[in-house]
């Protein structure tokens, strides 16, 4: 009898060790519902529905700072400070220790925000525009994107929006001149740059589209269900797949690997080692070590 008991114990220990080794992904709860996520070079930050942000250290310690504009939707880093954009047509600058300054006057409903090396830019989906915001909060709004711009990213020279309603992207020069390119997958809802090309995550049809600098497009099928976020790890693109409860790794030639995370991720960001997702519905964040996945 003792021999079988020892065997069973060893089997349980072995199984637990194997599971930890195979699946190092883990999630933990944070107060408030995180809707967006960004990296500051050391810590991750989330924008939360309850008018605040959360700073997450590499070992998982969290600090909540309140006082953004109403209903923060997006978050981005400018090299020193975090910025959120909020549903009251404002942006908030947040210092590393959580001091906040809110500037009002973006276009209507700034659902995305990105940094161009000098200024912040928002994509404003209710009036088909983008707003450029200087470090001291001065704003210039440029109209003329295609319908429902819901995401924005920088390519080193120009800003690009993903336009949800029309399956298009719009390239915006620093002085606001716009060129729209058609042909992404349906409902492009996130956009990211890989150093050469833009990529969109296309929510409706579970695919991604690679867009060259002159607007030529290739769409690759097969992400997890309902990809709502996209980020670059220096080699591959990754999507956050809301209904798939997964993330998908996509190589430059479109090969895909889907990894389950048992959460519904709304957004995704890279910290240099790990992918992180913000999981709004469960008020959690998930860390995915990419070396363990490769």
C-alpha atoms as a PDB file:
ATOM      1  CA  UNK A   1       0.000   0.000   0.000  1.00  0.00           C
ATOM      2  CA  UNK A   2       2.803   2.400   0.910  1.00  0.00           C
ATOM      3  CA  UNK A   3       4.464   1.814  -2.456  1.00  0.00           C
ATOM      4  CA  UNK A   4       1.303   2.930  -4.296  1.00  0.00           C
ATOM      5  CA  UNK A   5       0.881   5.945  -2.015  1.00  0.00           C
ATOM      6  CA  UNK A   6       4.472   7.074  -2.750  1.00  0.00           C
ATOM      7  CA  UNK A   7       3.926   6.540  -6.470  1.00  0.00           C
ATOM      8  CA  UNK A   8       0.724   8.626  -6.383  1.00  0.00           C
ATOM      9  CA  UNK A   9       2.481  11.408  -4.474  1.00  0.00           C
ATOM     10  CA  UNK A  10       5.345  11.466  -6.949  1.00  0.00           C
ATOM     11  CA  UNK A  11       2.865  11.545  -9.822  1.00  0.00           C
ATOM     12  CA  UNK A  12       1.046  14.564  -8.323  1.00  0.00           C
ATOM     13  CA  UNK A  13       4.328  16.410  -7.716  1.00  0.00           C
ATOM     14  CA  UNK A  14       5.555  15.577 -11.194  1.00  0.00           C
ATOM     15  CA  UNK A  15       2.301  16.703 -12.782  1.00  0.00           C
ATOM     16  CA  UNK A  16       2.333  19.988 -10.897  1.00  0.00           C
ATOM     17  CA  UNK A  17       5.923  20.669 -11.933  1.00  0.00           C
ATOM     18  CA  UNK A  18       5.191  19.823 -15.542  1.00  0.00           C
ATOM     19  CA  UNK A  19       2.158  22.085 -15.586  1.00  0.00           C
ATOM     20  CA  UNK A  20       4.151  25.023 -14.193  1.00  0.00           C
ATOM     21  CA  UNK A  21       6.899  24.449 -16.729  1.00  0.00           C
ATOM     22  CA  UNK A  22       4.549  24.131 -19.680  1.00  0.00           C
ATOM     23  CA  UNK A  23       2.224  26.966 -18.759  1.00  0.00           C
ATOM     24  CA  UNK A  24       3.994  29.869 -17.027  1.00  0.00           C
ATOM     25  CA  UNK A  25       1.178  32.273 -17.953  1.00  0.00           C
ATOM     26  CA  UNK A  26      -0.532  33.798 -14.954  1.00  0.00           C
ATOM     27  CA  UNK A  27      -3.212  36.365 -14.220  1.00  0.00           C
ATOM     28  CA  UNK A  28      -3.972  38.463 -11.173  1.00  0.00           C
ATOM     29  CA  UNK A  29      -6.747  40.824 -10.181  1.00  0.00           C
ATOM     30  CA  UNK A  30      -6.497  44.592  -9.949  1.00  0.00           C
ATOM     31  CA  UNK A  31      -9.074  47.007  -8.605  1.00  0.00           C
ATOM     32  CA  UNK A  32     -11.230  48.727 -11.219  1.00  0.00           C
ATOM     33  CA  UNK A  33     -11.712  47.416 -14.740  1.00  0.00           C
ATOM     34  CA  UNK A  34      -8.659  47.875 -16.982  1.00  0.00           C
ATOM     35  CA  UNK A  35      -9.551  48.856 -20.555  1.00  0.00           C
ATOM     36  CA  UNK A  36      -6.093  49.616 -21.975  1.00  0.00           C
ATOM     37  CA  UNK A  37      -2.463  48.847 -21.133  1.00  0.00           C
ATOM     38  CA  UNK A  38       0.971  50.387 -21.835  1.00  0.00           C
ATOM     39  CA  UNK A  39       4.621  50.037 -20.745  1.00  0.00           C
ATOM     40  CA  UNK A  40       6.826  52.821 -19.358  1.00  0.00           C
ATOM     41  CA  UNK A  41      10.180  51.064 -19.636  1.00  0.00           C
ATOM     42  CA  UNK A  42       9.900  49.561 -16.143  1.00  0.00           C
ATOM     43  CA  UNK A  43       6.245  49.203 -15.162  1.00  0.00           C
ATOM     44  CA  UNK A  44       2.998  48.372 -16.878  1.00  0.00           C
ATOM     45  CA  UNK A  45       0.104  50.832 -16.589  1.00  0.00           C
ATOM     46  CA  UNK A  46      -3.596  50.334 -17.209  1.00  0.00           C
ATOM     47  CA  UNK A  47      -6.337  52.847 -17.900  1.00  0.00           C
ATOM     48  CA  UNK A  48      -9.357  51.924 -15.775  1.00  0.00           C
ATOM     49  CA  UNK A  49     -13.055  52.544 -16.231  1.00  0.00           C
ATOM     50  CA  UNK A  50     -13.394  54.235 -12.838  1.00  0.00           C
ATOM     51  CA  UNK A  51     -11.459  57.401 -13.793  1.00  0.00           C
ATOM     52  CA  UNK A  52      -7.982  56.301 -12.857  1.00  0.00           C
ATOM     53  CA  UNK A  53      -4.871  54.364 -13.783  1.00  0.00           C
ATOM     54  CA  UNK A  54      -3.002  51.486 -12.174  1.00  0.00           C
ATOM     55  CA  UNK A  55       0.797  51.133 -12.130  1.00  0.00           C
ATOM     56  CA  UNK A  56       1.998  47.516 -11.986  1.00  0.00           C
ATOM     57  CA  UNK A  57       5.601  46.780 -11.019  1.00  0.00           C
ATOM     58  CA  UNK A  58       7.467  43.802 -12.537  1.00  0.00           C
ATOM     59  CA  UNK A  59       6.747  41.752  -9.390  1.00  0.00           C
ATOM     60  CA  UNK A  60       3.030  42.522  -9.555  1.00  0.00           C
ATOM     61  CA  UNK A  61       2.645  45.269  -6.944  1.00  0.00           C
ATOM     62  CA  UNK A  62      -0.093  47.708  -7.911  1.00  0.00           C
ATOM     63  CA  UNK A  63      -0.702  51.394  -7.180  1.00  0.00           C
ATOM     64  CA  UNK A  64      -3.923  53.121  -8.224  1.00  0.00           C
ATOM     65  CA  UNK A  65      -3.984  56.834  -9.063  1.00  0.00           C
ATOM     66  CA  UNK A  66      -7.338  58.595  -9.426  1.00  0.00           C
ATOM     67  CA  UNK A  67      -8.164  61.807 -11.227  1.00  0.00           C
ATOM     68  CA  UNK A  68      -8.108  61.307 -14.986  1.00  0.00           C
ATOM     69  CA  UNK A  69     -10.812  62.648 -17.247  1.00  0.00           C
ATOM     70  CA  UNK A  70     -14.145  60.838 -17.139  1.00  0.00           C
ATOM     71  CA  UNK A  71     -14.152  57.322 -18.551  1.00  0.00           C
ATOM     72  CA  UNK A  72     -10.503  56.809 -19.582  1.00  0.00           C
ATOM     73  CA  UNK A  73     -10.361  54.684 -22.717  1.00  0.00           C
ATOM     74  CA  UNK A  74      -6.718  54.521 -23.846  1.00  0.00           C
ATOM     75  CA  UNK A  75      -3.193  54.944 -22.493  1.00  0.00           C
ATOM     76  CA  UNK A  76       0.262  55.646 -23.970  1.00  0.00           C
ATOM     77  CA  UNK A  77       3.773  56.615 -22.818  1.00  0.00           C
ATOM     78  CA  UNK A  78       5.725  59.683 -23.955  1.00  0.00           C
ATOM     79  CA  UNK A  79       9.135  58.663 -22.613  1.00  0.00           C
ATOM     80  CA  UNK A  80       8.550  60.332 -19.250  1.00  0.00           C
ATOM     81  CA  UNK A  81       4.824  60.453 -18.498  1.00  0.00           C
ATOM     82  CA  UNK A  82       1.781  58.321 -19.142  1.00  0.00           C
ATOM     83  CA  UNK A  83      -1.172  59.857 -20.973  1.00  0.00           C
ATOM     84  CA  UNK A  84      -4.784  58.714 -21.040  1.00  0.00           C
ATOM     85  CA  UNK A  85      -7.567  59.803 -23.354  1.00  0.00           C
ATOM     86  CA  UNK A  86     -11.079  59.948 -21.931  1.00  0.00           C
ATOM     87  CA  UNK A  87     -14.697  60.009 -23.010  1.00  0.00           C
ATOM     88  CA  UNK A  88     -15.160  63.647 -21.955  1.00  0.00           C
ATOM     89  CA  UNK A  89     -12.917  64.712 -24.881  1.00  0.00           C
ATOM     90  CA  UNK A  90      -9.836  65.163 -22.748  1.00  0.00           C
ATOM     91  CA  UNK A  91      -6.370  63.780 -22.192  1.00  0.00           C
ATOM     92  CA  UNK A  92      -4.588  63.436 -18.859  1.00  0.00           C
ATOM     93  CA  UNK A  93      -0.825  63.554 -18.338  1.00  0.00           C
ATOM     94  CA  UNK A  94       0.326  61.376 -15.426  1.00  0.00           C
ATOM     95  CA  UNK A  95       3.802  61.720 -13.918  1.00  0.00           C
ATOM     96  CA  UNK A  96       5.659  58.614 -12.671  1.00  0.00           C
ATOM     97  CA  UNK A  97       4.486  59.358  -9.118  1.00  0.00           C
ATOM     98  CA  UNK A  98       0.860  59.782 -10.176  1.00  0.00           C
ATOM     99  CA  UNK A  99       0.402  63.565 -10.377  1.00  0.00           C
ATOM    100  CA  UNK A 100      -2.153  64.416 -13.042  1.00  0.00           C
ATOM    101  CA  UNK A 101      -2.916  67.298 -15.385  1.00  0.00           C
ATOM    102  CA  UNK A 102      -6.006  67.094 -17.600  1.00  0.00           C
ATOM    103  CA  UNK A 103      -6.335  69.004 -20.882  1.00  0.00           C
ATOM    104  CA  UNK A 104      -9.722  69.319 -22.608  1.00  0.00           C
ATOM    105  CA  UNK A 105     -10.501  69.889 -26.255  1.00  0.00           C
ATOM    106  CA  UNK A 106      -9.793  66.806 -28.350  1.00  0.00           C
ATOM    107  CA  UNK A 107     -12.156  65.705 -31.080  1.00  0.00           C
ATOM    108  CA  UNK A 108     -15.236  63.777 -30.029  1.00  0.00           C
ATOM    109  CA  UNK A 109     -14.685  60.528 -28.136  1.00  0.00           C
ATOM    110  CA  UNK A 110     -10.885  60.026 -28.295  1.00  0.00           C
ATOM    111  CA  UNK A 111     -10.774  56.243 -28.114  1.00  0.00           C
ATOM    112  CA  UNK A 112      -7.054  55.790 -28.831  1.00  0.00           C
ATOM    113  CA  UNK A 113      -3.807  57.619 -28.097  1.00  0.00           C
ATOM    114  CA  UNK A 114      -0.203  57.352 -29.361  1.00  0.00           C
ATOM    115  CA  UNK A 115       3.095  59.244 -29.181  1.00  0.00           C
ATOM    116  CA  UNK A 116       5.076  60.564 -32.174  1.00  0.00           C
ATOM    117  CA  UNK A 117       8.313  61.334 -30.341  1.00  0.00           C
ATOM    118  CA  UNK A 118       7.221  64.876 -29.486  1.00  0.00           C
ATOM    119  CA  UNK A 119       3.418  65.090 -29.338  1.00  0.00           C
ATOM    120  CA  UNK A 120       0.555  62.849 -28.327  1.00  0.00           C
ATOM    121  CA  UNK A 121      -2.186  62.078 -30.859  1.00  0.00           C
ATOM    122  CA  UNK A 122      -5.714  60.826 -30.322  1.00  0.00           C
ATOM    123  CA  UNK A 123      -8.063  59.077 -32.736  1.00  0.00           C
ATOM    124  CA  UNK A 124     -11.556  60.541 -32.297  1.00  0.00           C
ATOM    125  CA  UNK A 125     -14.178  58.137 -33.540  1.00  0.00           C
ATOM    126  CA  UNK A 126     -17.305  60.272 -33.363  1.00  0.00           C
ATOM    127  CA  UNK A 127     -16.111  63.005 -35.710  1.00  0.00           C
ATOM    128  CA  UNK A 128     -13.606  61.112 -37.899  1.00  0.00           C
ATOM    129  CA  UNK A 129     -10.614  63.119 -36.769  1.00  0.00           C
ATOM    130  CA  UNK A 130      -7.296  63.050 -34.983  1.00  0.00           C
ATOM    131  CA  UNK A 131      -5.998  65.531 -32.424  1.00  0.00           C
ATOM    132  CA  UNK A 132      -2.328  66.466 -31.949  1.00  0.00           C
ATOM    133  CA  UNK A 133      -1.488  67.465 -28.366  1.00  0.00           C
ATOM    134  CA  UNK A 134       1.761  69.239 -27.499  1.00  0.00           C
ATOM    135  CA  UNK A 135       3.575  68.421 -24.223  1.00  0.00           C
ATOM    136  CA  UNK A 136       1.943  71.459 -22.575  1.00  0.00           C
ATOM    137  CA  UNK A 137      -1.559  70.511 -23.740  1.00  0.00           C
ATOM    138  CA  UNK A 138      -2.096  72.715 -26.802  1.00  0.00           C
ATOM    139  CA  UNK A 139      -4.324  70.920 -29.308  1.00  0.00           C
ATOM    140  CA  UNK A 140      -4.867  70.875 -33.063  1.00  0.00           C
ATOM    141  CA  UNK A 141      -7.610  68.682 -34.538  1.00  0.00           C
ATOM    142  CA  UNK A 142      -7.434  67.435 -38.130  1.00  0.00           C
ATOM    143  CA  UNK A 143     -10.580  66.055 -39.760  1.00  0.00           C
ATOM    144  CA  UNK A 144     -10.790  63.626 -42.634  1.00  0.00           C
ATOM    145  CA  UNK A 145      -9.996  60.101 -41.555  1.00  0.00           C
ATOM    146  CA  UNK A 146     -12.336  57.441 -42.813  1.00  0.00           C
ATOM    147  CA  UNK A 147     -15.334  56.544 -40.628  1.00  0.00           C
ATOM    148  CA  UNK A 148     -14.895  55.509 -37.014  1.00  0.00           C
ATOM    149  CA  UNK A 149     -11.156  55.714 -36.357  1.00  0.00           C
ATOM    150  CA  UNK A 150     -10.713  53.538 -33.268  1.00  0.00           C
ATOM    151  CA  UNK A 151      -6.944  52.985 -33.064  1.00  0.00           C
ATOM    152  CA  UNK A 152      -3.798  54.989 -33.799  1.00  0.00           C
ATOM    153  CA  UNK A 153      -0.065  54.231 -34.155  1.00  0.00           C
ATOM    154  CA  UNK A 154       3.145  55.964 -35.262  1.00  0.00           C
ATOM    155  CA  UNK A 155       5.492  54.704 -38.006  1.00  0.00           C
ATOM    156  CA  UNK A 156       8.421  56.992 -37.249  1.00  0.00           C
ATOM    157  CA  UNK A 157       7.141  59.746 -39.551  1.00  0.00           C
ATOM    158  CA  UNK A 158       3.353  59.572 -39.858  1.00  0.00           C
ATOM    159  CA  UNK A 159       0.414  58.604 -37.698  1.00  0.00           C
ATOM    160  CA  UNK A 160      -1.988  55.884 -38.872  1.00  0.00           C
ATOM    161  CA  UNK A 161      -5.559  55.172 -37.810  1.00  0.00           C
ATOM    162  CA  UNK A 162      -7.560  51.983 -38.122  1.00  0.00           C
ATOM    163  CA  UNK A 163     -11.080  52.879 -39.269  1.00  0.00           C
ATOM    164  CA  UNK A 164     -13.561  50.387 -37.863  1.00  0.00           C
ATOM    165  CA  UNK A 165     -16.599  50.991 -40.060  1.00  0.00           C
ATOM    166  CA  UNK A 166     -14.922  51.009 -43.478  1.00  0.00           C
ATOM    167  CA  UNK A 167     -12.141  48.362 -43.351  1.00  0.00           C
ATOM    168  CA  UNK A 168      -9.547  51.054 -44.061  1.00  0.00           C
ATOM    169  CA  UNK A 169      -6.513  52.754 -42.587  1.00  0.00           C
ATOM    170  CA  UNK A 170      -5.620  56.437 -42.841  1.00  0.00           C
ATOM    171  CA  UNK A 171      -2.056  57.793 -42.946  1.00  0.00           C
ATOM    172  CA  UNK A 172      -1.704  61.272 -41.414  1.00  0.00           C
ATOM    173  CA  UNK A 173       1.375  63.429 -41.999  1.00  0.00           C
ATOM    174  CA  UNK A 174       2.739  65.647 -39.188  1.00  0.00           C
ATOM    175  CA  UNK A 175       0.820  68.635 -40.592  1.00  0.00           C
ATOM    176  CA  UNK A 176      -2.456  66.732 -40.875  1.00  0.00           C
ATOM    177  CA  UNK A 177      -2.591  65.706 -44.544  1.00  0.00           C
ATOM    178  CA  UNK A 178      -4.419  62.407 -44.912  1.00  0.00           C
ATOM    179  CA  UNK A 179      -4.400  59.433 -47.276  1.00  0.00           C
ATOM    180  CA  UNK A 180      -6.847  56.552 -46.803  1.00  0.00           C
ATOM    181  CA  UNK A 181      -6.132  53.003 -48.012  1.00  0.00           C
ATOM    182  CA  UNK A 182      -8.853  50.378 -48.417  1.00  0.00           C
ATOM    183  CA  UNK A 183      -8.712  46.645 -47.955  1.00  0.00           C
ATOM    184  CA  UNK A 184      -8.088  45.521 -44.386  1.00  0.00           C
ATOM    185  CA  UNK A 185     -10.132  42.737 -42.886  1.00  0.00           C
ATOM    186  CA  UNK A 186     -13.554  43.738 -41.571  1.00  0.00           C
ATOM    187  CA  UNK A 187     -13.737  45.943 -38.476  1.00  0.00           C
ATOM    188  CA  UNK A 188     -10.074  46.834 -37.924  1.00  0.00           C
ATOM    189  CA  UNK A 189     -10.036  47.809 -34.271  1.00  0.00           C
ATOM    190  CA  UNK A 190      -6.343  47.928 -33.350  1.00  0.00           C
ATOM    191  CA  UNK A 191      -3.140  48.957 -35.118  1.00  0.00           C
ATOM    192  CA  UNK A 192       0.594  48.552 -34.463  1.00  0.00           C
ATOM    193  CA  UNK A 193       3.922  49.129 -36.243  1.00  0.00           C
ATOM    194  CA  UNK A 194       6.602  46.458 -36.776  1.00  0.00           C
ATOM    195  CA  UNK A 195       9.416  48.790 -37.851  1.00  0.00           C
ATOM    196  CA  UNK A 196       8.463  48.590 -41.523  1.00  0.00           C
ATOM    197  CA  UNK A 197       4.741  47.871 -41.877  1.00  0.00           C
ATOM    198  CA  UNK A 198       1.541  48.674 -40.068  1.00  0.00           C
ATOM    199  CA  UNK A 199      -0.657  45.809 -38.895  1.00  0.00           C
ATOM    200  CA  UNK A 200      -4.341  45.840 -37.976  1.00  0.00           C
ATOM    201  CA  UNK A 201      -6.282  43.367 -35.867  1.00  0.00           C
ATOM    202  CA  UNK A 202      -9.648  42.829 -37.551  1.00  0.00           C
ATOM    203  CA  UNK A 203     -12.308  41.965 -35.045  1.00  0.00           C
ATOM    204  CA  UNK A 204     -15.157  40.661 -37.171  1.00  0.00           C
ATOM    205  CA  UNK A 205     -13.281  38.071 -39.235  1.00  0.00           C
ATOM    206  CA  UNK A 206     -10.524  36.856 -36.892  1.00  0.00           C
ATOM    207  CA  UNK A 207      -7.555  37.962 -38.969  1.00  0.00           C
ATOM    208  CA  UNK A 208      -4.787  40.537 -39.253  1.00  0.00           C
ATOM    209  CA  UNK A 209      -3.728  42.761 -42.137  1.00  0.00           C
ATOM    210  CA  UNK A 210      -0.152  43.839 -42.906  1.00  0.00           C
ATOM    211  CA  UNK A 211       0.012  47.256 -44.619  1.00  0.00           C
ATOM    212  CA  UNK A 212       3.142  48.449 -46.421  1.00  0.00           C
ATOM    213  CA  UNK A 213       4.202  52.125 -46.242  1.00  0.00           C
ATOM    214  CA  UNK A 214       2.495  52.781 -49.611  1.00  0.00           C
ATOM    215  CA  UNK A 215      -0.742  51.087 -48.574  1.00  0.00           C
ATOM    216  CA  UNK A 216      -0.416  47.623 -50.120  1.00  0.00           C
ATOM    217  CA  UNK A 217      -2.155  45.029 -47.949  1.00  0.00           C
ATOM    218  CA  UNK A 218      -1.923  41.320 -47.140  1.00  0.00           C
ATOM    219  CA  UNK A 219      -4.480  39.738 -44.816  1.00  0.00           C
ATOM    220  CA  UNK A 220      -3.628  36.602 -42.823  1.00  0.00           C
ATOM    221  CA  UNK A 221      -6.433  34.420 -41.448  1.00  0.00           C
ATOM    222  CA  UNK A 222      -6.567  32.444 -38.243  1.00  0.00           C
ATOM    223  CA  UNK A 223      -6.245  34.460 -35.042  1.00  0.00           C
ATOM    224  CA  UNK A 224      -8.223  33.583 -31.968  1.00  0.00           C
ATOM    225  CA  UNK A 225     -11.823  34.746 -31.948  1.00  0.00           C
ATOM    226  CA  UNK A 226     -12.495  38.511 -31.908  1.00  0.00           C
ATOM    227  CA  UNK A 227      -8.988  40.033 -31.883  1.00  0.00           C
ATOM    228  CA  UNK A 228      -9.347  43.416 -30.204  1.00  0.00           C
ATOM    229  CA  UNK A 229      -5.748  44.454 -29.540  1.00  0.00           C
ATOM    230  CA  UNK A 230      -2.390  44.143 -31.280  1.00  0.00           C
ATOM    231  CA  UNK A 231       1.250  44.650 -30.234  1.00  0.00           C
ATOM    232  CA  UNK A 232       4.765  43.980 -31.559  1.00  0.00           C
ATOM    233  CA  UNK A 233       7.463  42.104 -29.610  1.00  0.00           C
ATOM    234  CA  UNK A 234      10.399  43.092 -31.823  1.00  0.00           C
ATOM    235  CA  UNK A 235       9.991  40.009 -34.010  1.00  0.00           C
ATOM    236  CA  UNK A 236       6.335  38.957 -34.111  1.00  0.00           C
ATOM    237  CA  UNK A 237       2.937  40.592 -33.839  1.00  0.00           C
ATOM    238  CA  UNK A 238       0.502  39.478 -31.136  1.00  0.00           C
ATOM    239  CA  UNK A 239      -3.254  39.903 -30.874  1.00  0.00           C
ATOM    240  CA  UNK A 240      -5.510  39.844 -27.823  1.00  0.00           C
ATOM    241  CA  UNK A 241      -8.500  37.647 -28.712  1.00  0.00           C
ATOM    242  CA  UNK A 242     -11.489  38.587 -26.583  1.00  0.00           C
ATOM    243  CA  UNK A 243     -13.942  35.759 -27.218  1.00  0.00           C
ATOM    244  CA  UNK A 244     -11.155  33.267 -27.868  1.00  0.00           C
ATOM    245  CA  UNK A 245      -9.783  33.841 -24.350  1.00  0.00           C
ATOM    246  CA  UNK A 246      -6.390  33.754 -26.003  1.00  0.00           C
ATOM    247  CA  UNK A 247      -3.480  35.616 -27.526  1.00  0.00           C
ATOM    248  CA  UNK A 248      -2.170  34.862 -31.004  1.00  0.00           C
ATOM    249  CA  UNK A 249       1.471  35.127 -32.081  1.00  0.00           C
ATOM    250  CA  UNK A 250       1.846  36.045 -35.774  1.00  0.00           C
ATOM    251  CA  UNK A 251       5.143  35.795 -37.640  1.00  0.00           C
ATOM    252  CA  UNK A 252       6.069  38.325 -40.335  1.00  0.00           C
ATOM    253  CA  UNK A 253       4.851  35.911 -43.014  1.00  0.00           C
ATOM    254  CA  UNK A 254       1.554  35.258 -41.264  1.00  0.00           C
ATOM    255  CA  UNK A 255       2.095  31.963 -39.451  1.00  0.00           C
ATOM    256  CA  UNK A 256       0.006  31.882 -36.279  1.00  0.00           C
ATOM    257  CA  UNK A 257       0.146  30.252 -32.868  1.00  0.00           C
ATOM    258  CA  UNK A 258      -2.829  30.625 -30.528  1.00  0.00           C
ATOM    259  CA  UNK A 259      -2.190  30.490 -26.773  1.00  0.00           C
ATOM    260  CA  UNK A 260      -5.087  30.179 -24.346  1.00  0.00           C
ATOM    261  CA  UNK A 261      -5.059  32.443 -21.287  1.00  0.00           C
ATOM    262  CA  UNK A 262      -8.510  31.635 -19.841  1.00  0.00           C
ATOM    263  CA  UNK A 263      -9.434  35.347 -19.735  1.00  0.00           C
ATOM    264  CA  UNK A 264     -11.122  37.714 -22.175  1.00  0.00           C
ATOM    265  CA  UNK A 265      -8.350  40.156 -23.128  1.00  0.00           C
ATOM    266  CA  UNK A 266      -9.331  43.625 -24.302  1.00  0.00           C
ATOM    267  CA  UNK A 267      -5.854  45.062 -24.940  1.00  0.00           C
ATOM    268  CA  UNK A 268      -2.231  43.938 -25.175  1.00  0.00           C
ATOM    269  CA  UNK A 269       1.251  45.448 -24.655  1.00  0.00           C
ATOM    270  CA  UNK A 270       4.885  44.270 -24.550  1.00  0.00           C
ATOM    271  CA  UNK A 271       7.393  44.955 -21.764  1.00  0.00           C
ATOM    272  CA  UNK A 272      10.511  43.698 -23.536  1.00  0.00           C
ATOM    273  CA  UNK A 273      10.146  40.171 -22.163  1.00  0.00           C
ATOM    274  CA  UNK A 274       6.456  39.472 -21.646  1.00  0.00           C
ATOM    275  CA  UNK A 275       3.185  40.219 -23.332  1.00  0.00           C
ATOM    276  CA  UNK A 276       0.576  41.644 -20.972  1.00  0.00           C
ATOM    277  CA  UNK A 277      -3.171  41.766 -21.514  1.00  0.00           C
ATOM    278  CA  UNK A 278      -5.784  43.931 -19.849  1.00  0.00           C
ATOM    279  CA  UNK A 279      -8.911  41.856 -19.214  1.00  0.00           C
ATOM    280  CA  UNK A 280     -11.723  44.308 -18.628  1.00  0.00           C
ATOM    281  CA  UNK A 281     -14.564  41.925 -17.884  1.00  0.00           C
ATOM    282  CA  UNK A 282     -12.740  40.058 -15.095  1.00  0.00           C
ATOM    283  CA  UNK A 283     -10.793  43.081 -13.763  1.00  0.00           C
ATOM    284  CA  UNK A 284      -7.515  41.219 -14.242  1.00  0.00           C
ATOM    285  CA  UNK A 285      -4.273  41.456 -16.145  1.00  0.00           C
ATOM    286  CA  UNK A 286      -2.338  38.521 -17.592  1.00  0.00           C
ATOM    287  CA  UNK A 287       1.421  38.138 -18.141  1.00  0.00           C
ATOM    288  CA  UNK A 288       2.547  35.872 -20.999  1.00  0.00           C
ATOM    289  CA  UNK A 289       6.321  35.188 -21.083  1.00  0.00           C
ATOM    290  CA  UNK A 290       7.109  34.984 -24.800  1.00  0.00           C
ATOM    291  CA  UNK A 291      10.296  32.935 -24.363  1.00  0.00           C
ATOM    292  CA  UNK A 292       8.224  30.172 -22.787  1.00  0.00           C
ATOM    293  CA  UNK A 293       5.873  30.221 -25.776  1.00  0.00           C
ATOM    294  CA  UNK A 294       8.511  30.263 -28.535  1.00  0.00           C
END
